[in-house]
N, C-alpha and C. Protein backbone atom coordinates (compact mmCIF):
# COMPACT_ATOMS: atom_id res chain seq x y z
N UNK A 1 93.13 154.07 140.93
CA UNK A 1 92.59 153.44 141.19
C UNK A 1 92.35 152.58 139.52
N UNK A 2 92.08 151.51 139.21
CA UNK A 2 91.97 150.54 138.13
C UNK A 2 90.36 150.52 137.75
N UNK A 3 90.27 149.75 136.56
CA UNK A 3 88.36 150.03 136.11
C UNK A 3 88.15 148.64 137.50
N UNK A 4 86.76 148.47 137.72
CA UNK A 4 86.18 148.24 138.49
C UNK A 4 85.65 146.71 137.70
N UNK A 5 85.94 145.74 138.21
CA UNK A 5 85.45 144.47 137.16
C UNK A 5 83.62 144.05 138.04
N UNK A 6 82.84 143.91 137.16
CA UNK A 6 81.62 143.14 137.81
C UNK A 6 81.32 142.22 138.39
N UNK A 7 81.39 141.38 139.20
CA UNK A 7 81.19 139.93 138.95
C UNK A 7 79.78 139.27 138.72
N UNK A 8 79.67 138.41 137.93
CA UNK A 8 78.02 138.06 137.53
C UNK A 8 77.46 137.48 138.57
N UNK A 9 75.96 137.73 138.13
CA UNK A 9 74.86 137.15 139.27
C UNK A 9 74.57 136.13 139.33
N UNK A 10 74.95 135.43 138.16
CA UNK A 10 75.11 133.87 137.91
C UNK A 10 76.30 132.74 137.84
N UNK A 11 75.85 131.45 138.00
CA UNK A 11 77.93 130.94 137.23
C UNK A 11 77.61 131.04 136.31
N UNK A 12 78.88 131.08 135.50
CA UNK A 12 78.68 130.90 134.15
C UNK A 12 78.65 129.88 133.68
N UNK A 13 78.14 128.42 133.62
CA UNK A 13 77.50 127.50 134.18
C UNK A 13 76.36 127.64 133.26
N UNK A 14 75.87 128.32 133.82
CA UNK A 14 74.15 127.87 133.96
C UNK A 14 73.51 129.91 133.39
N UNK A 15 74.59 130.19 132.60
CA UNK A 15 74.73 131.79 131.45
C UNK A 15 73.91 131.13 130.43
N UNK A 16 73.35 131.44 129.74
CA UNK A 16 72.86 130.94 127.97
C UNK A 16 73.14 131.72 126.96
N UNK A 17 73.22 133.36 127.37
CA UNK A 17 74.36 133.70 126.57
C UNK A 17 75.50 132.97 125.66
N UNK A 18 75.75 132.73 125.13
CA UNK A 18 77.23 132.80 124.07
C UNK A 18 76.92 131.05 124.05
N UNK A 19 76.05 130.20 124.15
CA UNK A 19 75.84 129.00 123.69
C UNK A 19 75.84 128.94 122.18
N UNK A 20 75.93 128.29 121.62
CA UNK A 20 75.19 127.62 120.49
C UNK A 20 74.35 126.66 120.50
N UNK A 21 73.63 126.17 119.93
CA UNK A 21 72.14 124.86 119.99
C UNK A 21 73.20 123.88 120.02
N UNK A 22 73.10 122.39 121.02
CA UNK A 22 73.37 121.23 121.80
C UNK A 22 73.74 120.67 120.24
N UNK A 23 73.27 120.83 119.72
CA UNK A 23 73.45 119.79 118.24
C UNK A 23 74.57 120.14 117.39
N UNK A 24 75.21 121.99 117.73
CA UNK A 24 76.64 122.61 116.68
C UNK A 24 77.08 122.30 117.77
N UNK A 25 77.66 122.04 118.64
CA UNK A 25 78.55 121.73 119.05
C UNK A 25 79.99 121.23 119.10
N UNK A 26 79.27 119.68 119.30
CA UNK A 26 80.07 118.35 118.56
C UNK A 26 79.35 118.00 117.25
N UNK A 27 79.42 118.66 116.49
CA UNK A 27 78.31 118.19 115.26
C UNK A 27 78.54 116.71 115.04
N UNK A 28 79.47 116.06 114.89
CA UNK A 28 80.92 115.09 114.25
C UNK A 28 79.90 113.76 115.54
N UNK A 29 80.06 113.98 116.83
CA UNK A 29 79.40 112.98 117.73
C UNK A 29 78.02 112.97 118.29
N UNK A 30 77.59 114.01 117.67
CA UNK A 30 75.61 114.12 117.95
C UNK A 30 74.45 113.77 116.88
N UNK A 31 75.55 114.49 115.48
CA UNK A 31 74.91 113.72 114.22
C UNK A 31 75.49 112.57 114.40
N UNK A 32 76.58 111.83 114.55
CA UNK A 32 75.90 109.73 114.22
C UNK A 32 75.14 109.44 115.27
N UNK A 33 74.61 110.07 117.22
CA UNK A 33 74.37 109.56 117.25
C UNK A 33 72.53 109.93 117.36
N UNK A 34 72.69 110.69 116.76
CA UNK A 34 70.92 111.14 116.03
C UNK A 34 70.46 109.99 114.89
N UNK A 35 71.61 110.07 114.12
CA UNK A 35 71.73 108.83 112.92
C UNK A 35 71.45 108.02 113.16
N UNK A 36 71.96 107.73 114.36
CA UNK A 36 72.16 105.85 115.08
C UNK A 36 70.72 105.63 116.28
N UNK A 37 70.41 106.44 116.59
CA UNK A 37 68.97 106.40 116.67
C UNK A 37 68.17 105.94 116.33
N UNK A 38 68.10 107.02 115.19
CA UNK A 38 67.36 106.99 113.98
C UNK A 38 66.68 105.53 113.17
N UNK A 39 68.28 104.68 113.22
CA UNK A 39 68.14 103.48 112.42
C UNK A 39 67.50 102.29 113.31
N UNK A 40 67.60 102.63 114.30
CA UNK A 40 67.25 101.56 115.73
C UNK A 40 66.18 101.82 115.67
N UNK A 41 65.16 103.17 116.06
CA UNK A 41 63.78 103.61 115.74
C UNK A 41 63.44 102.46 114.51
N UNK A 42 63.92 103.11 113.11
CA UNK A 42 63.28 102.51 112.03
C UNK A 42 63.02 100.87 112.05
N UNK A 43 64.16 100.14 112.66
CA UNK A 43 64.47 99.20 112.48
C UNK A 43 63.75 98.57 113.51
N UNK A 44 63.31 98.74 114.44
CA UNK A 44 62.70 98.70 115.06
C UNK A 44 60.96 98.39 115.13
N UNK A 45 60.27 99.52 114.05
CA UNK A 45 59.38 99.47 113.98
C UNK A 45 59.55 98.60 112.65
N UNK A 46 60.22 98.39 111.80
CA UNK A 46 60.02 97.11 109.94
C UNK A 46 59.93 95.97 111.28
N UNK A 47 60.63 95.51 112.00
CA UNK A 47 61.06 94.40 112.74
C UNK A 47 60.15 93.93 114.03
N UNK A 48 59.85 94.83 114.13
CA UNK A 48 59.68 94.16 116.21
C UNK A 48 58.30 94.66 116.34
N UNK A 49 57.49 96.09 115.85
CA UNK A 49 56.25 96.37 115.78
C UNK A 49 55.36 95.76 115.85
N UNK A 50 54.77 94.89 115.02
CA UNK A 50 53.72 94.38 114.84
C UNK A 50 53.82 92.92 116.00
N UNK A 51 54.64 92.67 116.37
CA UNK A 51 55.61 91.65 117.03
C UNK A 51 54.91 91.75 118.42
N UNK A 52 55.06 93.99 118.84
CA UNK A 52 54.92 93.95 120.07
C UNK A 52 53.88 94.37 120.09
N UNK A 53 52.99 94.89 119.30
CA UNK A 53 51.30 94.90 119.24
C UNK A 53 50.54 93.99 119.58
N UNK A 54 51.14 92.22 118.57
CA UNK A 54 50.30 91.14 118.70
C UNK A 54 50.64 90.77 120.34
N UNK A 55 51.74 91.21 121.16
CA UNK A 55 51.99 90.58 122.63
C UNK A 55 51.11 91.52 123.18
N UNK A 56 51.31 92.53 122.99
CA UNK A 56 49.83 93.99 123.65
C UNK A 56 48.34 92.72 123.51
N UNK A 57 47.95 92.48 122.48
CA UNK A 57 46.33 92.37 122.06
C UNK A 57 46.27 90.82 123.10
N UNK A 58 47.88 89.78 122.89
CA UNK A 58 47.26 88.84 123.62
C UNK A 58 47.34 88.94 125.16
N UNK A 59 47.96 90.06 125.71
CA UNK A 59 47.78 89.91 127.14
C UNK A 59 46.35 90.57 127.36
N UNK A 60 46.26 91.77 126.45
CA UNK A 60 44.34 92.15 126.94
C UNK A 60 43.37 90.79 127.67
N UNK A 61 43.93 89.88 125.88
CA UNK A 61 43.07 88.79 125.93
C UNK A 61 42.86 87.96 127.35
N UNK A 62 44.11 87.37 127.58
CA UNK A 62 44.20 86.77 129.05
C UNK A 62 43.52 87.52 129.92
N UNK A 63 44.01 88.90 130.40
CA UNK A 63 43.34 89.55 131.18
C UNK A 63 41.70 89.48 131.13
N UNK A 64 41.51 89.41 130.12
CA UNK A 64 40.09 89.62 129.75
C UNK A 64 39.56 88.32 130.31
N UNK A 65 40.15 87.28 130.19
CA UNK A 65 40.11 85.87 130.23
C UNK A 65 39.74 85.30 131.90
N UNK A 66 41.28 86.28 132.35
CA UNK A 66 40.75 85.94 134.01
C UNK A 66 40.00 86.59 134.81
N UNK A 67 39.61 88.08 133.95
CA UNK A 67 38.51 88.79 134.26
C UNK A 67 37.20 88.48 134.22
N UNK A 68 36.87 87.57 133.16
CA UNK A 68 35.42 86.94 132.82
C UNK A 68 35.29 85.78 134.03
N UNK A 69 36.58 85.07 134.28
CA UNK A 69 36.35 83.53 135.32
C UNK A 69 36.31 84.77 136.75
N UNK A 70 36.83 85.67 137.10
CA UNK A 70 36.61 86.50 138.57
C UNK A 70 35.55 86.76 138.30
N UNK A 71 34.81 87.82 137.84
CA UNK A 71 33.17 88.66 137.23
C UNK A 71 32.37 87.75 136.35
N UNK A 72 32.58 86.61 136.74
CA UNK A 72 31.71 86.49 135.88
C UNK A 72 30.11 86.58 136.42
N UNK A 73 29.93 86.53 137.80
CA UNK A 73 28.55 87.00 137.86
C UNK A 73 27.91 88.20 138.36
N UNK A 74 28.86 89.04 137.56
CA UNK A 74 28.74 90.36 137.14
C UNK A 74 27.91 90.69 135.66
N UNK A 75 27.95 89.83 135.13
CA UNK A 75 27.29 89.32 133.69
C UNK A 75 26.55 88.32 133.94
N UNK A 76 26.28 87.94 134.51
CA UNK A 76 25.07 87.08 134.38
C UNK A 76 25.65 85.48 134.01
N UNK A 77 26.81 85.20 134.17
CA UNK A 77 27.31 84.14 133.62
C UNK A 77 27.36 82.77 135.40
N UNK A 78 26.60 81.95 134.98
CA UNK A 78 26.40 81.38 136.50
C UNK A 78 28.24 80.36 136.15
N UNK A 79 29.04 80.62 136.82
CA UNK A 79 30.06 80.02 136.71
C UNK A 79 30.41 79.63 137.90
N UNK A 80 31.55 78.84 138.73
CA UNK A 80 31.04 78.04 140.30
C UNK A 80 32.61 79.05 140.14
N UNK A 81 32.68 80.44 141.17
CA UNK A 81 33.55 80.83 141.82
C UNK A 81 34.32 79.83 142.87
N UNK A 82 35.39 80.34 143.20
CA UNK A 82 35.93 79.11 143.71
C UNK A 82 36.68 80.22 145.27
N UNK A 83 37.43 79.69 145.59
CA UNK A 83 37.91 80.47 146.66
C UNK A 83 38.96 81.08 146.23
N UNK A 84 39.82 80.71 145.24
CA UNK A 84 41.29 81.61 144.81
C UNK A 84 40.49 82.36 143.75
N UNK A 85 39.46 82.95 143.17
CA UNK A 85 39.17 83.67 142.42
C UNK A 85 38.38 84.73 143.26
N UNK A 86 37.74 84.08 144.61
CA UNK A 86 37.42 85.48 145.78
C UNK A 86 38.80 86.08 146.25
N UNK A 87 39.93 85.26 146.37
CA UNK A 87 41.21 86.34 146.85
C UNK A 87 41.58 86.57 146.01
N UNK A 88 41.48 86.84 144.62
CA UNK A 88 41.62 87.33 143.26
C UNK A 88 41.05 88.58 143.36
N UNK A 89 40.20 88.60 143.86
CA UNK A 89 38.94 89.83 143.35
C UNK A 89 39.86 91.52 144.21
N UNK A 90 39.97 91.24 144.87
CA UNK A 90 40.82 92.56 145.53
C UNK A 90 41.93 93.50 144.45
N UNK A 91 42.52 92.29 143.73
CA UNK A 91 43.40 92.46 142.94
C UNK A 91 42.82 93.23 141.99
N UNK A 92 41.50 92.64 140.93
CA UNK A 92 41.48 93.00 139.84
C UNK A 92 40.33 93.80 139.93
N UNK A 93 40.01 94.52 140.87
CA UNK A 93 38.52 95.04 141.49
C UNK A 93 38.89 96.84 140.63
N UNK A 94 39.77 97.13 140.51
CA UNK A 94 39.60 97.86 140.08
C UNK A 94 39.49 98.85 138.26
N UNK A 95 39.69 97.74 138.00
CA UNK A 95 39.89 97.36 136.43
C UNK A 95 38.46 96.66 135.92
N UNK A 96 37.55 96.53 136.77
CA UNK A 96 36.69 96.14 136.93
C UNK A 96 35.72 97.13 136.37
N UNK A 97 35.36 98.17 136.05
CA UNK A 97 34.29 99.41 135.17
C UNK A 97 35.13 99.37 133.73
N UNK A 98 36.08 99.14 133.65
CA UNK A 98 36.93 99.84 132.01
C UNK A 98 36.52 98.18 131.55
N UNK A 99 36.73 96.91 132.17
CA UNK A 99 36.76 95.81 131.85
C UNK A 99 35.64 96.00 131.12
N UNK A 100 34.45 96.02 131.46
CA UNK A 100 32.93 95.82 131.86
C UNK A 100 32.88 96.73 130.49
N UNK A 101 33.01 97.85 130.68
CA UNK A 101 32.39 98.47 129.12
C UNK A 101 33.47 98.23 127.76
N UNK A 102 34.34 97.60 128.02
CA UNK A 102 35.59 97.11 127.07
C UNK A 102 34.32 95.81 126.12
N UNK A 103 33.72 94.76 127.51
CA UNK A 103 33.43 93.52 126.99
C UNK A 103 31.80 93.85 126.24
N UNK A 104 30.73 94.48 126.89
CA UNK A 104 30.15 95.08 126.40
C UNK A 104 29.74 95.73 124.81
N UNK A 105 30.46 96.24 124.81
CA UNK A 105 30.95 97.16 123.56
C UNK A 105 30.28 96.72 121.88
N UNK A 106 29.38 96.60 121.25
CA UNK A 106 29.51 96.39 119.92
C UNK A 106 30.74 95.86 119.18
N UNK A 107 30.53 95.11 118.77
CA UNK A 107 32.16 94.42 118.06
C UNK A 107 31.19 94.32 116.67
N UNK A 108 32.39 93.98 115.44
CA UNK A 108 32.30 93.91 114.14
C UNK A 108 32.98 92.33 114.12
N UNK A 109 32.63 91.13 113.38
CA UNK A 109 32.86 90.24 113.61
C UNK A 109 34.27 90.14 112.49
N UNK A 110 34.25 90.71 111.72
CA UNK A 110 35.59 91.15 110.84
C UNK A 110 36.54 91.77 110.97
N UNK A 111 36.47 92.42 112.69
CA UNK A 111 37.15 92.64 112.99
C UNK A 111 38.35 91.76 113.85
N UNK A 112 37.56 91.08 114.71
CA UNK A 112 38.06 90.28 115.27
C UNK A 112 38.42 89.21 114.46
N UNK A 113 38.25 88.74 113.21
CA UNK A 113 39.34 88.09 112.34
C UNK A 113 39.78 88.84 111.16
N UNK A 114 40.54 89.67 111.21
CA UNK A 114 41.05 90.46 110.17
C UNK A 114 42.20 89.59 108.93
N UNK A 115 41.93 88.38 109.41
CA UNK A 115 42.50 87.22 108.03
C UNK A 115 41.63 87.01 107.19
N UNK A 116 39.97 86.50 107.61
CA UNK A 116 39.39 86.06 106.81
C UNK A 116 38.69 88.02 105.89
N UNK A 117 38.36 86.90 104.68
CA UNK A 117 38.26 88.20 103.18
C UNK A 117 37.53 88.04 102.32
């Protein structure tokens, strides 16, 4: 009788032994991919980050303006609430608590107008 070979308990594809770090296997391709990804992130940060943050701030401001129209009675501002704002009320009701906290927070005047020195 010859030597008995043992069957592995797991498929060889799932075995962690004998494998190297993923970046070491295809050093040329993965290194180029990592450099390209880093370059894309740096260029996006240089050219697009300010535009992105300004767009996010404008989106919050527009959302606050719509919330002010819909929830003006809760702040004591007597606006004529129309039928349309009453129809929008269920869609905005989940944001009411965070919006009220954000609106009632004390703010510095210079923070709102950063271009003034």
